[in-house]
Amino acid sequence: MKTAVSIPDDVYRRAEELAEQTNRTRSRLYTDALGEYIARHGTDAVTTGMNEALAGIDEGSDAFLASANRSALAKSEW
């Protein structure tokens, strides 16, 4: 698929330099960069599936379990 996009001159120049340094074509560089961006910022299917599965769990039915979960989450590093 061919497409045309507008990018700032400084980004273009840096991309050209990187393509040359890494021995990649401009198309390969932009494809790789866009693919990485999508992987980082796109919807994560695993996370979405887990969220959907967990949404059906009624945490409020067990007050002790709900309190223990909140306590464990508060102590964990994200």
N, C-alpha and C. Protein backbone atom coordinates (compact mmCIF):
# COMPACT_ATOMS: atom_id res chain seq x y z
N MET A 1 0.85 -1.18 0.00
CA MET A 1 0.00 0.00 0.00
C MET A 1 0.89 1.23 0.00
N LYS A 2 0.61 2.12 -0.88
CA LYS A 2 1.33 3.38 -0.91
C LYS A 2 0.45 4.46 -0.30
N THR A 3 1.11 5.37 0.43
CA THR A 3 0.39 6.47 1.04
C THR A 3 1.30 7.68 1.10
N ALA A 4 0.73 8.84 1.24
CA ALA A 4 1.50 10.07 1.38
C ALA A 4 1.16 10.70 2.73
N VAL A 5 2.20 11.10 3.45
CA VAL A 5 2.01 11.75 4.74
C VAL A 5 2.91 12.98 4.80
N SER A 6 2.56 13.91 5.64
CA SER A 6 3.39 15.09 5.86
C SER A 6 4.04 14.97 7.23
N ILE A 7 5.35 15.17 7.26
CA ILE A 7 6.08 15.14 8.52
C ILE A 7 7.01 16.35 8.56
N PRO A 8 7.35 16.79 9.76
CA PRO A 8 8.26 17.95 9.87
C PRO A 8 9.62 17.65 9.24
N ASP A 9 10.25 18.68 8.72
CA ASP A 9 11.54 18.52 8.05
C ASP A 9 12.60 17.87 8.94
N ASP A 10 12.65 18.27 10.22
CA ASP A 10 13.68 17.71 11.10
C ASP A 10 13.46 16.22 11.35
N VAL A 11 12.22 15.79 11.45
CA VAL A 11 11.92 14.37 11.63
C VAL A 11 12.31 13.61 10.37
N TYR A 12 12.02 14.18 9.23
CA TYR A 12 12.39 13.54 7.95
C TYR A 12 13.90 13.36 7.86
N ARG A 13 14.65 14.41 8.17
CA ARG A 13 16.11 14.34 8.07
C ARG A 13 16.67 13.28 9.03
N ARG A 14 16.14 13.25 10.25
CA ARG A 14 16.62 12.26 11.23
C ARG A 14 16.27 10.84 10.78
N ALA A 15 15.10 10.69 10.19
CA ALA A 15 14.69 9.38 9.69
C ALA A 15 15.59 8.93 8.54
N GLU A 16 15.92 9.85 7.66
CA GLU A 16 16.82 9.53 6.55
C GLU A 16 18.18 9.08 7.06
N GLU A 17 18.69 9.79 8.07
CA GLU A 17 19.98 9.43 8.66
C GLU A 17 19.92 8.05 9.29
N LEU A 18 18.85 7.78 10.03
CA LEU A 18 18.70 6.48 10.69
C LEU A 18 18.57 5.36 9.67
N ALA A 19 17.82 5.60 8.61
CA ALA A 19 17.68 4.58 7.57
C ALA A 19 19.04 4.24 6.98
N GLU A 20 19.83 5.25 6.72
CA GLU A 20 21.17 5.02 6.15
C GLU A 20 22.07 4.29 7.15
N GLN A 21 22.04 4.73 8.42
CA GLN A 21 22.89 4.11 9.45
C GLN A 21 22.54 2.64 9.68
N THR A 22 21.27 2.32 9.56
CA THR A 22 20.82 0.95 9.84
C THR A 22 20.67 0.12 8.57
N ASN A 23 21.07 0.71 7.44
CA ASN A 23 21.02 0.02 6.16
C ASN A 23 19.62 -0.49 5.82
N ARG A 24 18.65 0.37 6.04
CA ARG A 24 17.25 0.04 5.72
C ARG A 24 16.73 1.05 4.70
N THR A 25 15.76 0.62 3.94
CA THR A 25 15.10 1.56 3.03
C THR A 25 14.20 2.47 3.86
N ARG A 26 13.85 3.57 3.29
CA ARG A 26 12.92 4.49 3.95
C ARG A 26 11.61 3.79 4.25
N SER A 27 11.11 3.02 3.31
CA SER A 27 9.84 2.29 3.52
C SER A 27 9.96 1.31 4.69
N ARG A 28 11.08 0.59 4.75
CA ARG A 28 11.28 -0.38 5.85
C ARG A 28 11.33 0.35 7.19
N LEU A 29 12.04 1.49 7.24
CA LEU A 29 12.15 2.26 8.47
C LEU A 29 10.78 2.73 8.95
N TYR A 30 9.99 3.31 8.05
CA TYR A 30 8.67 3.81 8.44
C TYR A 30 7.73 2.66 8.80
N THR A 31 7.84 1.54 8.10
CA THR A 31 7.01 0.37 8.42
C THR A 31 7.36 -0.14 9.81
N ASP A 32 8.65 -0.27 10.09
CA ASP A 32 9.09 -0.74 11.41
C ASP A 32 8.63 0.23 12.51
N ALA A 33 8.82 1.52 12.27
CA ALA A 33 8.47 2.52 13.28
C ALA A 33 6.97 2.52 13.56
N LEU A 34 6.17 2.46 12.52
CA LEU A 34 4.72 2.46 12.70
C LEU A 34 4.25 1.17 13.36
N GLY A 35 4.85 0.06 12.99
CA GLY A 35 4.52 -1.21 13.62
C GLY A 35 4.81 -1.20 15.11
N GLU A 36 5.97 -0.64 15.48
CA GLU A 36 6.32 -0.54 16.90
C GLU A 36 5.36 0.38 17.64
N TYR A 37 4.99 1.49 17.03
CA TYR A 37 4.05 2.42 17.66
C TYR A 37 2.70 1.74 17.90
N ILE A 38 2.23 1.02 16.92
CA ILE A 38 0.95 0.31 17.05
C ILE A 38 1.03 -0.74 18.16
N ALA A 39 2.14 -1.46 18.23
CA ALA A 39 2.31 -2.48 19.26
C ALA A 39 2.30 -1.86 20.65
N ARG A 40 2.88 -0.69 20.79
CA ARG A 40 2.94 -0.03 22.10
C ARG A 40 1.63 0.63 22.49
N HIS A 41 0.93 1.17 21.53
CA HIS A 41 -0.24 2.00 21.84
C HIS A 41 -1.57 1.40 21.42
N GLY A 42 -1.54 0.33 20.68
CA GLY A 42 -2.77 -0.30 20.22
C GLY A 42 -3.43 -1.09 21.34
N THR A 43 -4.63 -1.51 21.10
CA THR A 43 -5.35 -2.32 22.07
C THR A 43 -4.66 -3.67 22.22
N ASP A 44 -4.36 -4.04 23.43
CA ASP A 44 -3.74 -5.32 23.72
C ASP A 44 -4.85 -6.35 23.88
N ALA A 45 -4.89 -7.32 23.00
CA ALA A 45 -5.95 -8.32 23.01
C ALA A 45 -5.99 -9.12 24.30
N VAL A 46 -4.82 -9.42 24.87
CA VAL A 46 -4.79 -10.18 26.12
C VAL A 46 -5.38 -9.36 27.26
N THR A 47 -4.96 -8.09 27.36
CA THR A 47 -5.49 -7.22 28.40
C THR A 47 -6.99 -7.03 28.24
N THR A 48 -7.43 -6.83 27.02
CA THR A 48 -8.85 -6.66 26.77
C THR A 48 -9.63 -7.90 27.19
N GLY A 49 -9.13 -9.06 26.84
CA GLY A 49 -9.78 -10.30 27.22
C GLY A 49 -9.84 -10.49 28.72
N MET A 50 -8.74 -10.19 29.41
CA MET A 50 -8.72 -10.30 30.87
C MET A 50 -9.70 -9.33 31.51
N ASN A 51 -9.73 -8.10 31.01
CA ASN A 51 -10.66 -7.11 31.55
C ASN A 51 -12.10 -7.55 31.36
N GLU A 52 -12.41 -8.12 30.22
CA GLU A 52 -13.77 -8.60 29.97
C GLU A 52 -14.12 -9.75 30.90
N ALA A 53 -13.18 -10.67 31.11
CA ALA A 53 -13.42 -11.81 32.00
C ALA A 53 -13.60 -11.34 33.43
N LEU A 54 -12.76 -10.41 33.86
CA LEU A 54 -12.83 -9.94 35.24
C LEU A 54 -14.05 -9.05 35.50
N ALA A 55 -14.57 -8.44 34.47
CA ALA A 55 -15.75 -7.58 34.64
C ALA A 55 -16.95 -8.38 35.12
N GLY A 56 -16.98 -9.68 34.82
CA GLY A 56 -18.10 -10.51 35.23
C GLY A 56 -18.00 -11.03 36.64
N ILE A 57 -16.89 -10.78 37.32
CA ILE A 57 -16.71 -11.27 38.68
C ILE A 57 -17.30 -10.25 39.65
N ASP A 58 -18.15 -10.73 40.55
CA ASP A 58 -18.78 -9.86 41.54
C ASP A 58 -17.91 -9.82 42.79
N GLU A 59 -17.01 -8.84 42.84
CA GLU A 59 -16.08 -8.71 43.96
C GLU A 59 -16.79 -8.30 45.24
N GLY A 60 -17.92 -7.63 45.12
CA GLY A 60 -18.62 -7.13 46.29
C GLY A 60 -19.30 -8.21 47.11
N SER A 61 -19.42 -9.41 46.62
CA SER A 61 -20.13 -10.45 47.36
C SER A 61 -19.31 -11.00 48.52
N ASP A 62 -18.00 -10.76 48.55
CA ASP A 62 -17.15 -11.23 49.64
C ASP A 62 -16.34 -10.04 50.14
N ALA A 63 -16.79 -9.42 51.22
CA ALA A 63 -16.17 -8.20 51.74
C ALA A 63 -14.71 -8.45 52.14
N PHE A 64 -14.42 -9.60 52.74
CA PHE A 64 -13.04 -9.90 53.14
C PHE A 64 -12.13 -10.00 51.93
N LEU A 65 -12.59 -10.71 50.90
CA LEU A 65 -11.79 -10.87 49.69
C LEU A 65 -11.56 -9.53 49.00
N ALA A 66 -12.58 -8.72 48.94
CA ALA A 66 -12.46 -7.40 48.32
C ALA A 66 -11.43 -6.55 49.07
N SER A 67 -11.48 -6.59 50.40
CA SER A 67 -10.54 -5.83 51.21
C SER A 67 -9.12 -6.35 51.03
N ALA A 68 -8.95 -7.67 51.00
CA ALA A 68 -7.63 -8.27 50.80
C ALA A 68 -7.07 -7.91 49.43
N ASN A 69 -7.91 -7.91 48.42
CA ASN A 69 -7.47 -7.54 47.07
C ASN A 69 -7.00 -6.10 47.02
N ARG A 70 -7.76 -5.19 47.63
CA ARG A 70 -7.37 -3.78 47.64
C ARG A 70 -6.06 -3.60 48.38
N SER A 71 -5.89 -4.29 49.49
CA SER A 71 -4.66 -4.20 50.27
C SER A 71 -3.46 -4.71 49.47
N ALA A 72 -3.63 -5.84 48.79
CA ALA A 72 -2.54 -6.41 47.99
C ALA A 72 -2.17 -5.48 46.84
N LEU A 73 -3.16 -4.89 46.19
CA LEU A 73 -2.89 -3.98 45.08
C LEU A 73 -2.18 -2.72 45.56
N ALA A 74 -2.56 -2.24 46.72
CA ALA A 74 -1.94 -1.03 47.26
C ALA A 74 -0.45 -1.26 47.56
N LYS A 75 -0.08 -2.47 47.91
CA LYS A 75 1.30 -2.78 48.27
C LYS A 75 2.17 -3.16 47.07
N SER A 76 1.55 -3.43 45.92
CA SER A 76 2.33 -3.89 44.77
C SER A 76 2.83 -2.72 43.94
N GLU A 77 4.00 -2.93 43.27
CA GLU A 77 4.56 -1.93 42.37
C GLU A 77 3.97 -2.11 40.98
N TRP A 78 3.67 -1.01 40.33
CA TRP A 78 3.12 -1.07 38.97
C TRP A 78 4.18 -0.68 38.03
